[in-house]
Amino acid sequence: MGRMSERTNEETAPSEYAERVLETAEAIPPGRVMTYGDVAEWLDEGGPRQVGRVMALYGGAVPWWRVVRSDGHLLPGHELRALEHYREEGTPLREAARSAEGHVPRIDMRRARWDGAPAGE
């Protein structure tokens, strides 16, 4: 029984890498986004899948909607919640094509993507 509780604690506590991913997500200004790959590159560690895994496990505690897919499509199953945040923060969006399922807009990556530079630079 002792082993199991140790393992559970280990699994629930974010690793140092996960903490760095979450800190990066928190640093993204309102109305801007970084891709999973951007975050990995910024940290100079891991890749898009590792960042995505951290966000899936622990992202609820940070502005998860600011870490996105590189194609600008919204996270399946979280589109409406994310859209509320994007509209509230003024994140640049591209309206969906009439043929798009559910007519959900995408993020305008050219305008919304953040490169990590402080505001005004």
C-alpha atoms as a PDB file:
ATOM      1  CA  MET A   1       0.000   0.000   0.000  1.00  0.00           C
ATOM      2  CA  GLY A   2       2.849   2.401   0.794  1.00  0.00           C
ATOM      3  CA  ARG A   3       4.246   2.034  -2.718  1.00  0.00           C
ATOM      4  CA  MET A   4       0.964   2.918  -4.358  1.00  0.00           C
ATOM      5  CA  SER A   5       0.493   6.174  -2.443  1.00  0.00           C
ATOM      6  CA  GLU A   6       4.060   7.201  -3.293  1.00  0.00           C
ATOM      7  CA  ARG A   7       3.428   6.561  -6.948  1.00  0.00           C
ATOM      8  CA  THR A   8       0.143   8.483  -6.867  1.00  0.00           C
ATOM      9  CA  ASN A   9       1.868  11.517  -5.321  1.00  0.00           C
ATOM     10  CA  GLU A  10       4.542  11.332  -7.999  1.00  0.00           C
ATOM     11  CA  GLU A  11       1.953  11.207 -10.777  1.00  0.00           C
ATOM     12  CA  THR A  12      -0.109  14.126  -9.459  1.00  0.00           C
ATOM     13  CA  ALA A  13       2.828  16.481  -8.876  1.00  0.00           C
ATOM     14  CA  PRO A  14       3.972  18.205 -12.075  1.00  0.00           C
ATOM     15  CA  SER A  15       7.599  17.599 -13.043  1.00  0.00           C
ATOM     16  CA  GLU A  16      10.074  20.455 -13.332  1.00  0.00           C
ATOM     17  CA  TYR A  17       9.512  20.385 -17.104  1.00  0.00           C
ATOM     18  CA  ALA A  18       5.736  20.571 -16.613  1.00  0.00           C
ATOM     19  CA  GLU A  19       6.168  23.535 -14.259  1.00  0.00           C
ATOM     20  CA  ARG A  20       8.220  25.332 -16.930  1.00  0.00           C
ATOM     21  CA  VAL A  21       5.558  24.635 -19.578  1.00  0.00           C
ATOM     22  CA  LEU A  22       2.861  26.013 -17.269  1.00  0.00           C
ATOM     23  CA  GLU A  23       4.944  29.114 -16.437  1.00  0.00           C
ATOM     24  CA  THR A  24       5.380  29.746 -20.155  1.00  0.00           C
ATOM     25  CA  ALA A  25       1.614  29.457 -20.731  1.00  0.00           C
ATOM     26  CA  GLU A  26       1.047  31.983 -17.933  1.00  0.00           C
ATOM     27  CA  ALA A  27       3.537  34.401 -19.531  1.00  0.00           C
ATOM     28  CA  ILE A  28       1.637  34.584 -22.849  1.00  0.00           C
ATOM     29  CA  PRO A  29      -0.171  37.953 -22.897  1.00  0.00           C
ATOM     30  CA  PRO A  30      -3.971  38.091 -23.219  1.00  0.00           C
ATOM     31  CA  GLY A  31      -5.026  38.105 -26.865  1.00  0.00           C
ATOM     32  CA  ARG A  32      -1.873  36.260 -27.992  1.00  0.00           C
ATOM     33  CA  VAL A  33      -1.020  32.564 -28.447  1.00  0.00           C
ATOM     34  CA  MET A  34       1.939  30.211 -28.772  1.00  0.00           C
ATOM     35  CA  THR A  35       1.825  26.807 -30.440  1.00  0.00           C
ATOM     36  CA  TYR A  36       2.790  23.623 -28.625  1.00  0.00           C
ATOM     37  CA  GLY A  37       5.959  23.620 -30.726  1.00  0.00           C
ATOM     38  CA  ASP A  38       6.670  27.289 -29.897  1.00  0.00           C
ATOM     39  CA  VAL A  39       6.536  26.486 -26.176  1.00  0.00           C
ATOM     40  CA  ALA A  40       8.925  23.531 -26.607  1.00  0.00           C
ATOM     41  CA  GLU A  41      11.291  25.715 -28.646  1.00  0.00           C
ATOM     42  CA  TRP A  42      11.053  28.540 -26.073  1.00  0.00           C
ATOM     43  CA  LEU A  43      12.004  26.083 -23.315  1.00  0.00           C
ATOM     44  CA  ASP A  44      14.643  24.460 -25.545  1.00  0.00           C
ATOM     45  CA  GLU A  45      13.352  21.086 -24.330  1.00  0.00           C
ATOM     46  CA  GLY A  46      10.795  18.508 -25.411  1.00  0.00           C
ATOM     47  CA  GLY A  47       8.509  18.843 -28.398  1.00  0.00           C
ATOM     48  CA  PRO A  48       4.898  19.643 -29.255  1.00  0.00           C
ATOM     49  CA  ARG A  49       3.624  16.276 -27.970  1.00  0.00           C
ATOM     50  CA  GLN A  50       5.323  16.680 -24.585  1.00  0.00           C
ATOM     51  CA  VAL A  51       3.912  20.206 -24.236  1.00  0.00           C
ATOM     52  CA  GLY A  52       0.467  18.925 -25.260  1.00  0.00           C
ATOM     53  CA  ARG A  53       0.664  16.184 -22.639  1.00  0.00           C
ATOM     54  CA  VAL A  54       1.568  18.670 -19.896  1.00  0.00           C
ATOM     55  CA  MET A  55      -1.284  20.953 -20.964  1.00  0.00           C
ATOM     56  CA  ALA A  56      -3.736  18.017 -21.016  1.00  0.00           C
ATOM     57  CA  LEU A  57      -2.715  16.928 -17.507  1.00  0.00           C
ATOM     58  CA  TYR A  58      -2.160  20.276 -15.746  1.00  0.00           C
ATOM     59  CA  GLY A  59      -3.274  23.056 -18.104  1.00  0.00           C
ATOM     60  CA  GLY A  60      -6.521  23.771 -16.272  1.00  0.00           C
ATOM     61  CA  ALA A  61      -4.588  25.843 -13.738  1.00  0.00           C
ATOM     62  CA  VAL A  62      -3.231  28.261 -16.386  1.00  0.00           C
ATOM     63  CA  PRO A  63      -4.622  30.110 -19.444  1.00  0.00           C
ATOM     64  CA  TRP A  64      -4.690  26.874 -21.475  1.00  0.00           C
ATOM     65  CA  TRP A  65      -6.473  28.536 -24.403  1.00  0.00           C
ATOM     66  CA  ARG A  66      -3.283  30.500 -25.208  1.00  0.00           C
ATOM     67  CA  VAL A  67      -1.332  27.328 -26.127  1.00  0.00           C
ATOM     68  CA  VAL A  68      -2.713  26.143 -29.457  1.00  0.00           C
ATOM     69  CA  ARG A  69      -2.303  23.929 -32.506  1.00  0.00           C
ATOM     70  CA  SER A  70      -0.103  25.414 -35.212  1.00  0.00           C
ATOM     71  CA  ASP A  71      -2.959  25.377 -37.758  1.00  0.00           C
ATOM     72  CA  GLY A  72      -5.085  27.659 -35.561  1.00  0.00           C
ATOM     73  CA  HIS A  73      -7.883  25.098 -35.131  1.00  0.00           C
ATOM     74  CA  LEU A  74      -9.414  25.170 -31.671  1.00  0.00           C
ATOM     75  CA  LEU A  75      -8.924  22.282 -29.259  1.00  0.00           C
ATOM     76  CA  PRO A  76     -11.645  19.686 -30.000  1.00  0.00           C
ATOM     77  CA  GLY A  77     -14.173  19.512 -27.190  1.00  0.00           C
ATOM     78  CA  HIS A  78     -13.101  22.879 -25.767  1.00  0.00           C
ATOM     79  CA  GLU A  79     -13.962  25.166 -28.698  1.00  0.00           C
ATOM     80  CA  LEU A  80     -16.769  27.106 -27.052  1.00  0.00           C
ATOM     81  CA  ARG A  81     -14.934  27.691 -23.776  1.00  0.00           C
ATOM     82  CA  ALA A  82     -11.834  28.766 -25.712  1.00  0.00           C
ATOM     83  CA  LEU A  83     -13.875  31.076 -27.976  1.00  0.00           C
ATOM     84  CA  GLU A  84     -15.287  32.870 -24.928  1.00  0.00           C
ATOM     85  CA  HIS A  85     -11.734  33.566 -23.743  1.00  0.00           C
ATOM     86  CA  TYR A  86     -10.537  34.629 -27.213  1.00  0.00           C
ATOM     87  CA  ARG A  87     -13.422  37.059 -27.658  1.00  0.00           C
ATOM     88  CA  GLU A  88     -12.960  38.429 -24.134  1.00  0.00           C
ATOM     89  CA  GLU A  89      -9.220  38.971 -24.721  1.00  0.00           C
ATOM     90  CA  GLY A  90      -9.519  40.218 -28.314  1.00  0.00           C
ATOM     91  CA  THR A  91      -7.482  37.357 -29.807  1.00  0.00           C
ATOM     92  CA  PRO A  92      -7.412  37.728 -33.624  1.00  0.00           C
ATOM     93  CA  LEU A  93      -9.710  35.127 -35.180  1.00  0.00           C
ATOM     94  CA  ARG A  94     -10.486  34.070 -38.744  1.00  0.00           C
ATOM     95  CA  GLU A  95     -14.119  33.329 -39.379  1.00  0.00           C
ATOM     96  CA  ALA A  96     -14.815  29.747 -40.406  1.00  0.00           C
ATOM     97  CA  ALA A  97     -15.556  28.890 -44.008  1.00  0.00           C
ATOM     98  CA  ARG A  98     -19.219  28.120 -44.623  1.00  0.00           C
ATOM     99  CA  SER A  99     -18.213  24.502 -45.287  1.00  0.00           C
ATOM    100  CA  ALA A 100     -16.420  24.180 -41.911  1.00  0.00           C
ATOM    101  CA  GLU A 101     -18.118  21.837 -39.481  1.00  0.00           C
ATOM    102  CA  GLY A 102     -19.923  23.828 -36.806  1.00  0.00           C
ATOM    103  CA  HIS A 103     -18.686  27.115 -38.337  1.00  0.00           C
ATOM    104  CA  VAL A 104     -16.113  27.460 -35.546  1.00  0.00           C
ATOM    105  CA  PRO A 105     -13.576  30.224 -36.231  1.00  0.00           C
ATOM    106  CA  ARG A 106      -9.846  29.560 -36.165  1.00  0.00           C
ATOM    107  CA  ILE A 107      -7.139  31.641 -34.572  1.00  0.00           C
ATOM    108  CA  ASP A 108      -5.487  34.061 -36.988  1.00  0.00           C
ATOM    109  CA  MET A 109      -1.995  32.695 -36.331  1.00  0.00           C
ATOM    110  CA  ARG A 110      -0.236  35.402 -38.353  1.00  0.00           C
ATOM    111  CA  ARG A 111      -1.649  38.113 -36.068  1.00  0.00           C
ATOM    112  CA  ALA A 112      -2.103  36.232 -32.770  1.00  0.00           C
ATOM    113  CA  ARG A 113       1.188  34.323 -32.477  1.00  0.00           C
ATOM    114  CA  TRP A 114       3.469  35.596 -29.711  1.00  0.00           C
ATOM    115  CA  ASP A 115       7.253  35.329 -30.013  1.00  0.00           C
ATOM    116  CA  GLY A 116       8.012  35.837 -26.327  1.00  0.00           C
ATOM    117  CA  ALA A 117       9.097  39.458 -26.687  1.00  0.00           C
ATOM    118  CA  PRO A 118       7.914  41.882 -23.993  1.00  0.00           C
ATOM    119  CA  ALA A 119       5.009  44.099 -25.083  1.00  0.00           C
ATOM    120  CA  GLY A 120       6.027  47.094 -27.135  1.00  0.00           C
ATOM    121  CA  GLU A 121       9.169  45.553 -28.635  1.00  0.00           C
END
